[in-house]
């Protein structure tokens, strides 16, 4: 400032004002600049910050609301104290430069690459990879790998193209380098990060409010047939679902089942055998597949069924209708086990059923109820007419008859009253059992 004042005041005469060797002399003339004003015996100095050699601001002569909050700071490249629209008391900025050759234009979201001589290095962000995320801020002006510029990490960014959006739109990091989108990115592996809100929609004078944007909204999008699986450190890793189960889970075709093998890994197999299952889970027994050896074993002389009409299937014994031999028939055949009225009085009979029967040549035995038996005497079936046989030969032998027509031959047996025989000449009739008469044909 001292140097500037010397430029404002011009002293002419035989001595210079400010010379340390000045002892005496007269100041003949002082030329004052417009920064000095006089009022009576009072001199006033009026200067602006921009009048100073090492200060250069962006403040306009006529100030307005847009100048509120601007901060005076030192710029190394300018070697001056200055102001910038991006550096205000409401914004947070960092110094940065591009990490590789080239240029990043103003208003681009960037991620942090590293640091070079205490200067942050950045590149344009891209949501398709975690290596180009997360967004740490936006470029406030065009930036290259040589000149250090400002990256706004929080606050208002002005003078950018926001014409593609509406006021209030929330902007995400897009899947293109330095791109923005108002819709959440899709596709497997896309990192999801909201980074700004549109304050003004305009092609050249648009405004964004940049968030504290260092965090990604949870896990990124997940690709088709991918799942998140925690690793040994508890950190989720994206894996293909086919890699699960150690040996892998194969594709399951229509009608197949997963079955664990001897290494406890699931394997897909086709249904086979007696039962089939469809893709709805319905099972059906296949035709002709259930053979006798696959059915439940039953006791001898039994069948499976139900005697009550409903309920559980049970064994039903098969009753042998006719008893030919055995301990039971011995009891029946023993005449001492029957009284004169043909009622059974012997040892109790068990294990027999109504309807069973037995015949020993003399009697018919019938179970009229379970283990209840009766005995019936044999009633011979009599052949009414005798045509041939030993009896007819005796009857036809004329020597066996006397003159009175009485039978006098060998005794006839096994014939019954009412039987008859005819030999063309005589009619023979049994008037009683084994008692015959002969009638001459008239």
Protein backbone atom coordinates (compact mmCIF):
# COMPACT_ATOMS: atom_id res chain seq x y z
CA UNK A 1 0.00 0.00 0.00
CA UNK A 2 2.93 2.29 0.71
CA UNK A 3 4.16 1.80 -2.84
CA UNK A 4 0.71 2.61 -4.18
CA UNK A 5 0.49 5.87 -2.20
CA UNK A 6 3.82 7.01 -3.63
CA UNK A 7 2.34 6.53 -7.05
CA UNK A 8 -0.70 8.57 -6.11
CA UNK A 9 1.36 11.56 -4.77
CA UNK A 10 3.84 13.27 -7.18
CA UNK A 11 6.38 15.63 -5.41
CA UNK A 12 8.45 18.08 -7.58
CA UNK A 13 11.15 20.52 -6.35
CA UNK A 14 14.69 20.46 -5.16
CA UNK A 15 14.15 17.64 -2.64
CA UNK A 16 12.15 14.41 -2.61
CA UNK A 17 9.69 13.83 0.14
CA UNK A 18 10.56 10.65 2.00
CA UNK A 19 14.31 10.92 1.51
CA UNK A 20 15.91 9.88 4.85
CA UNK A 21 18.73 12.37 4.22
CA UNK A 22 16.32 15.30 3.84
CA UNK A 23 17.18 17.95 6.42
CA UNK A 24 15.81 21.18 4.99
CA UNK A 25 14.13 22.42 1.89
CA UNK A 26 10.78 23.41 0.57
CA UNK A 27 8.13 21.31 -1.02
CA UNK A 28 7.16 23.41 -3.96
CA UNK A 29 4.38 21.32 -5.51
CA UNK A 30 2.31 18.21 -4.68
CA UNK A 31 0.06 16.66 -7.35
CA UNK A 32 -2.76 14.70 -5.73
CA UNK A 33 -4.62 11.84 -7.40
CA UNK A 34 -8.42 11.45 -7.47
CA UNK A 35 -8.23 9.16 -4.44
CA UNK A 36 -7.49 12.24 -2.26
CA UNK A 37 -10.21 14.72 -1.35
CA UNK A 38 -9.99 17.91 0.68
CA UNK A 39 -12.51 19.52 2.94
CA UNK A 40 -11.08 22.58 4.61
CA UNK A 41 -7.90 21.62 6.37
CA UNK A 42 -8.83 17.85 6.16
CA UNK A 43 -7.49 15.50 3.51
CA UNK A 44 -9.26 12.12 2.98
CA UNK A 45 -8.03 9.00 1.13
CA UNK A 46 -10.61 6.80 -0.66
CA UNK A 47 -9.37 3.59 -2.37
CA UNK A 48 -10.92 0.21 -3.53
CA UNK A 49 -9.44 -3.26 -2.96
CA UNK A 50 -8.78 -3.50 -6.68
CA UNK A 51 -6.56 -0.38 -6.39
CA UNK A 52 -4.03 -2.43 -4.43
CA UNK A 53 -1.19 -4.08 -6.38
CA UNK A 54 -1.72 -7.67 -5.07
CA UNK A 55 -5.53 -7.78 -4.91
CA UNK A 56 -7.88 -8.48 -7.85
CA UNK A 57 -11.52 -9.32 -7.20
CA UNK A 58 -14.47 -10.33 -9.36
CA UNK A 59 -16.69 -7.86 -7.54
CA UNK A 60 -18.55 -5.53 -9.85
CA UNK A 61 -18.65 -1.75 -9.33
CA UNK A 62 -22.33 -1.95 -8.52
CA UNK A 63 -22.79 -4.79 -6.04
CA UNK A 64 -25.87 -7.05 -5.86
CA UNK A 65 -27.15 -10.07 -3.89
CA UNK A 66 -24.99 -12.46 -5.94
CA UNK A 67 -21.89 -10.92 -4.36
CA UNK A 68 -23.01 -11.76 -0.83
CA UNK A 69 -20.82 -14.27 0.95
CA UNK A 70 -17.81 -14.03 -1.40
CA UNK A 71 -14.50 -14.60 0.35
CA UNK A 72 -11.12 -12.96 -0.33
CA UNK A 73 -8.48 -15.68 -0.71
CA UNK A 74 -4.96 -16.06 -2.05
CA UNK A 75 -4.49 -17.63 -5.50
CA UNK A 76 -1.02 -19.07 -6.02
CA UNK A 77 -1.21 -19.06 -9.83
CA UNK A 78 -2.26 -15.37 -9.90
CA UNK A 79 0.01 -14.47 -6.97
CA UNK A 80 -2.83 -12.28 -5.80
CA UNK A 81 -5.61 -12.12 -3.31
CA UNK A 82 -8.85 -12.58 -5.20
CA UNK A 83 -12.49 -13.70 -5.12
CA UNK A 84 -14.32 -16.40 -7.03
CA UNK A 85 -18.03 -17.18 -7.53
CA UNK A 86 -17.38 -20.72 -6.29
CA UNK A 87 -15.65 -19.66 -3.09
CA UNK A 88 -18.23 -18.31 -0.66
CA UNK A 89 -19.01 -18.77 2.99
CA UNK A 90 -21.73 -21.33 1.95
CA UNK A 91 -19.57 -23.57 -0.25
CA UNK A 92 -16.89 -26.15 0.48
CA UNK A 93 -14.15 -26.45 -2.14
CA UNK A 94 -10.84 -28.26 -2.55
CA UNK A 95 -7.89 -27.62 -4.86
CA UNK A 96 -7.43 -30.23 -7.59
CA UNK A 97 -6.13 -30.97 -11.04
CA UNK A 98 -6.71 -33.68 -13.64
CA UNK A 99 -4.60 -36.79 -13.01
CA UNK A 100 -3.87 -37.39 -16.73
CA UNK A 101 -3.46 -35.19 -19.77
CA UNK A 102 -6.58 -33.63 -21.22
CA UNK A 103 -9.29 -31.31 -20.01
CA UNK A 104 -12.45 -31.74 -17.93
CA UNK A 105 -15.06 -29.08 -18.65
CA UNK A 106 -16.96 -27.09 -16.02
CA UNK A 107 -19.84 -28.72 -14.14
CA UNK A 108 -18.64 -32.33 -14.37
CA UNK A 109 -18.88 -34.78 -11.45
CA UNK A 110 -15.46 -36.18 -10.60
CA UNK A 111 -13.95 -38.87 -8.38
CA UNK A 112 -10.72 -38.71 -6.40
CA UNK A 113 -7.74 -40.49 -8.00
CA UNK A 114 -5.02 -39.54 -5.54
CA UNK A 115 -2.75 -36.66 -4.59
CA UNK A 116 0.26 -34.98 -6.24
CA UNK A 117 2.44 -32.60 -4.22
CA UNK A 118 -0.44 -32.02 -1.80
CA UNK A 119 -2.84 -31.34 -4.71
CA UNK A 120 -5.82 -33.65 -5.21
CA UNK A 121 -5.95 -35.41 -8.57
CA UNK A 122 -9.32 -36.20 -10.12
CA UNK A 123 -11.04 -37.72 -13.19
CA UNK A 124 -14.59 -37.78 -14.49
CA UNK A 125 -16.74 -40.20 -12.50
CA UNK A 126 -18.72 -43.12 -14.02
CA UNK A 127 -21.34 -45.21 -12.16
CA UNK A 128 -20.51 -48.44 -13.99
CA UNK A 129 -17.51 -49.26 -11.78
CA UNK A 130 -16.55 -48.84 -8.15
CA UNK A 131 -13.08 -47.82 -9.37
CA UNK A 132 -14.53 -44.59 -10.85
CA UNK A 133 -16.74 -43.83 -7.87
CA UNK A 134 -17.82 -42.25 -5.59
CA UNK A 135 -18.29 -38.67 -6.76
CA UNK A 136 -16.48 -36.21 -4.47
CA UNK A 137 -17.63 -32.99 -6.17
CA UNK A 138 -18.05 -30.94 -9.37
CA UNK A 139 -15.58 -28.93 -11.38
CA UNK A 140 -16.20 -25.20 -11.00
CA UNK A 141 -14.37 -24.39 -14.24
CA UNK A 142 -12.46 -26.15 -17.00
CA UNK A 143 -9.59 -28.10 -15.46
CA UNK A 144 -6.50 -29.85 -16.88
CA UNK A 145 -3.47 -31.67 -15.49
CA UNK A 146 -1.35 -28.51 -15.17
CA UNK A 147 -3.36 -25.76 -13.52
CA UNK A 148 -4.91 -26.17 -10.11
CA UNK A 149 -8.63 -25.36 -9.99
CA UNK A 150 -11.47 -25.66 -7.53
CA UNK A 151 -13.74 -28.66 -6.96
CA UNK A 152 -16.97 -27.87 -5.11
CA UNK A 153 -17.86 -30.68 -2.72
CA UNK A 154 -20.82 -28.94 -1.08
CA UNK A 155 -22.83 -25.87 -1.96
CA UNK A 156 -24.20 -23.98 -4.95
CA UNK A 157 -22.66 -24.37 -8.42
CA UNK A 158 -23.70 -21.73 -10.97
CA UNK A 159 -23.20 -21.13 -14.69
CA UNK A 160 -23.75 -24.72 -15.88
CA UNK A 161 -26.12 -26.30 -18.44
CA UNK A 162 -29.15 -27.71 -16.62
CA UNK A 163 -31.62 -27.31 -19.50
CA UNK A 164 -32.25 -31.09 -19.65
CA UNK A 165 -33.78 -31.07 -16.16
CA UNK A 166 -36.53 -29.40 -14.20
CA UNK A 167 -36.19 -27.40 -11.02
CA UNK A 168 -36.21 -29.77 -8.05
CA UNK A 169 -34.91 -32.81 -9.98
CA UNK A 170 -32.55 -35.02 -7.98
CA UNK A 171 -29.53 -35.96 -10.09
CA UNK A 172 -27.69 -39.30 -10.00
CA UNK A 173 -24.25 -40.16 -11.27
CA UNK A 174 -24.81 -41.68 -14.74
CA UNK A 175 -23.17 -44.67 -16.42
CA UNK A 176 -21.22 -42.40 -18.80
CA UNK A 177 -18.08 -40.46 -18.00
CA UNK A 178 -19.07 -37.22 -16.24
CA UNK A 179 -22.75 -37.79 -17.04
CA UNK A 180 -25.78 -36.91 -14.95
CA UNK A 181 -29.28 -38.41 -14.95
CA UNK A 182 -32.53 -37.65 -13.14
CA UNK A 183 -33.49 -41.36 -13.07
CA UNK A 184 -31.80 -44.07 -11.06
CA UNK A 185 -29.33 -45.97 -13.28
CA UNK A 186 -30.25 -49.52 -14.25
CA UNK A 187 -28.17 -52.56 -15.09
CA UNK A 188 -26.12 -54.93 -13.02
CA UNK A 189 -23.16 -53.42 -11.18
CA UNK A 190 -24.28 -49.80 -11.50
CA UNK A 191 -23.30 -47.79 -8.43
CA UNK A 192 -26.14 -45.61 -7.18
CA UNK A 193 -25.27 -42.11 -5.90
CA UNK A 194 -27.45 -38.98 -5.66
CA UNK A 195 -25.12 -36.03 -5.99
CA UNK A 196 -27.05 -32.80 -6.71
CA UNK A 197 -30.41 -31.05 -6.94
CA UNK A 198 -31.44 -28.66 -9.74
CA UNK A 199 -31.98 -25.10 -8.47
CA UNK A 200 -32.35 -23.43 -11.88
CA UNK A 201 -32.96 -24.90 -15.33
CA UNK A 202 -31.02 -23.03 -18.00
CA UNK A 203 -28.66 -23.81 -20.88
CA UNK A 204 -25.91 -21.42 -19.72
CA UNK A 205 -26.88 -20.02 -16.32
CA UNK A 206 -28.20 -23.17 -14.66
CA UNK A 207 -27.64 -23.82 -10.97
CA UNK A 208 -27.09 -26.99 -8.95
CA UNK A 209 -26.90 -27.58 -5.24
CA UNK A 210 -24.13 -30.12 -4.69
CA UNK A 211 -24.52 -32.48 -1.72
CA UNK A 212 -21.88 -33.83 0.57
CA UNK A 213 -21.60 -36.51 -2.08
CA UNK A 214 -18.90 -38.91 -0.94
CA UNK A 215 -21.28 -41.80 -0.16
CA UNK A 216 -23.02 -44.26 -2.46
CA UNK A 217 -26.66 -45.20 -1.75
CA UNK A 218 -26.07 -48.70 -0.35
CA UNK A 219 -25.16 -51.58 -2.62
CA UNK A 220 -25.07 -51.00 -6.37
CA UNK A 221 -27.56 -52.54 -8.79
CA UNK A 222 -27.31 -56.31 -9.10
CA UNK A 223 -26.92 -58.12 -12.44
CA UNK A 224 -29.15 -60.92 -13.72
CA UNK A 225 -28.70 -64.15 -11.74
CA UNK A 226 -26.33 -62.42 -9.29
CA UNK A 227 -26.64 -62.33 -5.51
CA UNK A 228 -24.81 -60.70 -2.62
CA UNK A 229 -22.79 -63.06 -0.41
CA UNK A 230 -20.77 -62.02 2.60
CA UNK A 231 -17.08 -62.92 2.51
CA UNK A 232 -14.89 -63.99 5.46
CA UNK A 233 -14.59 -60.34 6.50
CA UNK A 234 -18.35 -59.77 6.48
CA UNK A 235 -18.15 -57.67 3.30
CA UNK A 236 -20.81 -58.35 0.64
CA UNK A 237 -19.48 -59.68 -2.65
CA UNK A 238 -21.41 -60.06 -5.92
CA UNK A 239 -21.43 -63.70 -7.03
CA UNK A 240 -23.24 -65.70 -9.67
CA UNK A 241 -25.98 -67.84 -8.16
CA UNK A 242 -24.71 -70.86 -10.09
CA UNK A 243 -21.59 -70.88 -7.90
CA UNK A 244 -23.51 -71.61 -4.71
CA UNK A 245 -23.40 -74.97 -2.98
CA UNK A 246 -19.69 -75.72 -3.30
CA UNK A 247 -19.94 -77.75 -6.51
CA UNK A 248 -22.48 -75.30 -7.88
CA UNK A 249 -26.25 -75.36 -8.27
CA UNK A 250 -27.10 -76.54 -11.79
CA UNK A 251 -29.98 -75.26 -13.86
CA UNK A 252 -33.18 -77.04 -12.88
CA UNK A 253 -35.14 -78.22 -15.91
CA UNK A 254 -38.87 -78.76 -16.08
CA UNK A 255 -39.94 -81.71 -13.91
CA UNK A 256 -36.56 -82.15 -12.21
CA UNK A 257 -35.70 -82.19 -8.50
CA UNK A 258 -32.67 -81.15 -6.49
CA UNK A 259 -31.13 -84.11 -4.63
CA UNK A 260 -28.10 -83.97 -2.37
CA UNK A 261 -25.18 -86.13 -3.53
CA UNK A 262 -22.57 -87.89 -1.37
CA UNK A 263 -20.65 -84.61 -1.04
CA UNK A 264 -23.76 -82.79 0.24
CA UNK A 265 -24.10 -80.74 -2.95
CA UNK A 266 -27.43 -80.37 -4.74
CA UNK A 267 -27.74 -82.11 -8.10
CA UNK A 268 -30.68 -81.89 -10.53
CA UNK A 269 -32.24 -85.24 -11.37
CA UNK A 270 -35.26 -86.48 -13.33
CA UNK A 271 -38.12 -88.15 -11.52
CA UNK A 272 -38.32 -91.84 -12.32
CA UNK A 273 -39.90 -95.00 -10.97
CA UNK A 274 -43.42 -95.40 -9.69
CA UNK A 275 -44.21 -91.69 -9.08
CA UNK A 276 -43.99 -88.66 -11.36
CA UNK A 277 -44.02 -84.98 -10.29
CA UNK A 278 -44.85 -82.04 -12.56
CA UNK A 279 -43.72 -78.41 -12.33
CA UNK A 280 -46.72 -77.56 -10.13
CA UNK A 281 -45.65 -80.07 -7.48
CA UNK A 282 -48.44 -82.54 -8.29
CA UNK A 283 -47.47 -86.21 -8.08
CA UNK A 284 -49.05 -89.15 -9.91
CA UNK A 285 -48.47 -92.90 -9.73
CA UNK A 286 -47.38 -94.15 -13.12
CA UNK A 287 -49.42 -96.85 -14.93
CA UNK A 288 -48.29 -100.45 -14.34
CA UNK A 289 -45.48 -99.26 -12.09
CA UNK A 290 -46.63 -100.59 -8.71
CA UNK A 291 -45.98 -104.34 -8.77
CA UNK A 292 -46.95 -106.94 -6.14
CA UNK A 293 -43.49 -107.03 -4.61
CA UNK A 294 -43.73 -103.27 -3.91
CA UNK A 295 -46.99 -103.58 -2.00
CA UNK A 296 -47.22 -103.94 1.76
CA UNK A 297 -46.61 -107.44 3.08
CA UNK A 298 -49.68 -109.12 4.61
CA UNK A 299 -50.25 -112.19 6.74
CA UNK A 300 -51.00 -115.50 5.15
CA UNK A 301 -54.58 -115.93 3.92
CA UNK A 302 -55.31 -112.18 4.34
CA UNK A 303 -56.16 -109.28 2.09
CA UNK A 304 -55.92 -105.49 2.58
CA UNK A 305 -59.19 -103.67 2.90
CA UNK A 306 -61.62 -101.98 5.23
CA UNK A 307 -64.56 -103.66 6.89
CA UNK A 308 -66.09 -100.48 8.32
CA UNK A 309 -66.55 -98.56 5.07
CA UNK A 310 -64.07 -95.79 5.96
CA UNK A 311 -60.81 -95.26 7.75
CA UNK A 312 -57.43 -96.94 7.67
CA UNK A 313 -56.81 -99.95 5.44
CA UNK A 314 -56.26 -103.12 7.46
CA UNK A 315 -55.74 -106.81 6.98
CA UNK A 316 -58.85 -108.94 6.44
CA UNK A 317 -58.39 -112.71 6.80
CA UNK A 318 -59.46 -114.90 3.89
CA UNK A 319 -61.83 -117.59 5.24
CA UNK A 320 -61.41 -121.10 3.87
CA UNK A 321 -64.97 -122.05 3.03
CA UNK A 322 -64.52 -125.81 3.25
CA UNK A 323 -62.41 -127.47 5.93
CA UNK A 324 -61.00 -130.78 4.75
CA UNK A 325 -58.55 -131.79 7.47
CA UNK A 326 -57.00 -130.47 10.65
CA UNK A 327 -57.55 -130.31 14.40
CA UNK A 328 -60.93 -128.65 13.96
CA UNK A 329 -62.26 -131.35 11.63
CA UNK A 330 -61.10 -133.99 14.12
CA UNK A 331 -63.28 -132.38 16.76
CA UNK A 332 -66.21 -132.32 14.37
CA UNK A 333 -65.76 -135.91 13.24
CA UNK A 334 -65.63 -137.23 16.82
CA UNK A 335 -69.17 -138.59 17.42
CA UNK A 336 -68.66 -138.29 21.21
CA UNK A 337 -68.66 -134.51 20.77
CA UNK A 338 -72.33 -134.54 19.68
CA UNK A 339 -75.47 -135.26 21.67
CA UNK A 340 -78.58 -137.02 20.41
CA UNK A 341 -79.98 -133.72 19.18
CA UNK A 342 -76.85 -133.15 17.06
CA UNK A 343 -75.70 -130.27 19.27
CA UNK A 344 -71.91 -129.89 19.71
CA UNK A 345 -70.80 -130.59 23.30
CA UNK A 346 -67.07 -131.17 22.84
CA UNK A 347 -63.98 -129.00 23.36
CA UNK A 348 -64.60 -125.34 22.44
CA UNK A 349 -63.91 -124.65 18.78
CA UNK A 350 -62.06 -121.38 17.96
CA UNK A 351 -60.76 -119.70 14.82
CA UNK A 352 -63.68 -120.68 12.61
CA UNK A 353 -66.14 -118.40 10.85
CA UNK A 354 -69.78 -118.42 9.89
CA UNK A 355 -70.40 -120.23 6.59
CA UNK A 356 -67.53 -122.67 6.82
CA UNK A 357 -68.40 -126.37 6.34
CA UNK A 358 -67.03 -129.91 6.52
CA UNK A 359 -68.20 -133.36 5.35
CA UNK A 360 -66.87 -136.70 6.59
CA UNK A 361 -68.99 -139.05 4.48
CA UNK A 362 -71.69 -139.43 7.10
CA UNK A 363 -72.49 -135.92 8.28
CA UNK A 364 -72.44 -132.36 7.00
CA UNK A 365 -71.03 -129.88 9.50
CA UNK A 366 -71.89 -126.18 9.09
CA UNK A 367 -70.78 -123.10 11.08
CA UNK A 368 -73.98 -121.13 11.62
CA UNK A 369 -71.95 -118.41 13.38
CA UNK A 370 -68.31 -117.83 14.25
CA UNK A 371 -67.17 -120.97 16.15
CA UNK A 372 -70.78 -122.25 16.36
CA UNK A 373 -71.32 -125.57 14.50
CA UNK A 374 -74.24 -127.90 13.75
CA UNK A 375 -74.28 -131.44 12.38
CA UNK A 376 -76.66 -132.73 9.70
CA UNK A 377 -77.24 -136.43 8.94
CA UNK A 378 -76.60 -137.47 5.37
CA UNK A 379 -79.77 -137.77 3.31
CA UNK A 380 -79.08 -139.89 0.24
CA UNK A 381 -80.25 -138.74 -3.12
CA UNK A 382 -82.41 -141.55 -4.47
CA UNK A 383 -82.42 -142.38 -8.13
CA UNK A 384 -86.11 -142.83 -8.87
CA UNK A 385 -85.75 -145.11 -11.91
CA UNK A 386 -83.17 -147.84 -12.13
CA UNK A 387 -82.15 -148.50 -15.70
CA UNK A 388 -79.16 -150.79 -15.39
CA UNK A 389 -76.98 -152.31 -12.73
CA UNK A 390 -76.68 -155.32 -10.46
CA UNK A 391 -80.05 -154.70 -8.91
CA UNK A 392 -81.82 -154.62 -12.29
CA UNK A 393 -80.07 -157.89 -13.31
CA UNK A 394 -81.47 -159.59 -10.23
CA UNK A 395 -84.93 -158.19 -10.94
CA UNK A 396 -84.94 -159.35 -14.58
CA UNK A 397 -83.78 -162.91 -13.73
CA UNK A 398 -87.09 -164.94 -13.93
CA UNK A 399 -85.62 -167.60 -11.66
CA UNK A 400 -85.68 -165.09 -8.84
CA UNK A 401 -89.52 -164.97 -8.85
CA UNK A 402 -92.05 -167.58 -7.73
CA UNK A 403 -95.42 -168.32 -9.30
CA UNK A 404 -97.03 -165.78 -6.97
CA UNK A 405 -94.80 -163.01 -8.20
CA UNK A 406 -92.78 -162.78 -4.99
CA UNK A 407 -89.02 -162.14 -5.16
CA UNK A 408 -87.09 -165.18 -3.88
CA UNK A 409 -83.62 -164.46 -5.29
CA UNK A 410 -80.44 -163.03 -3.76
CA UNK A 411 -81.20 -160.29 -1.27
CA UNK A 412 -81.36 -156.89 -2.88
CA UNK A 413 -79.73 -154.03 -0.94
CA UNK A 414 -79.24 -150.35 -1.46
CA UNK A 415 -82.61 -149.69 -2.94
CA UNK A 416 -85.36 -147.51 -1.64
CA UNK A 417 -89.14 -147.42 -1.54
CA UNK A 418 -90.59 -145.86 -4.68
CA UNK A 419 -87.84 -146.84 -7.05
CA UNK A 420 -88.86 -148.72 -10.20
CA UNK A 421 -87.51 -150.62 -13.19
CA UNK A 422 -89.00 -151.84 -16.50
CA UNK A 423 -87.53 -154.46 -18.86
CA UNK A 424 -90.18 -154.49 -21.61
CA UNK A 425 -92.16 -157.36 -20.07
CA UNK A 426 -92.44 -156.54 -16.39
CA UNK A 427 -92.68 -153.40 -14.26
CA UNK A 428 -90.70 -153.79 -11.04
CA UNK A 429 -91.56 -151.53 -8.06
CA UNK A 430 -89.95 -151.17 -4.60
CA UNK A 431 -92.86 -151.11 -2.20
CA UNK A 432 -90.39 -150.65 0.64
CA UNK A 433 -86.64 -150.34 0.99
CA UNK A 434 -85.17 -153.40 -0.75
CA UNK A 435 -88.67 -154.96 -1.08
CA UNK A 436 -89.72 -155.40 -4.69
CA UNK A 437 -92.80 -156.68 -6.57
CA UNK A 438 -93.23 -157.66 -10.20
CA UNK A 439 -96.22 -156.62 -12.32
CA UNK A 440 -97.03 -158.25 -15.66
CA UNK A 441 -97.58 -155.80 -18.47
CA UNK A 442 -101.31 -155.95 -19.41
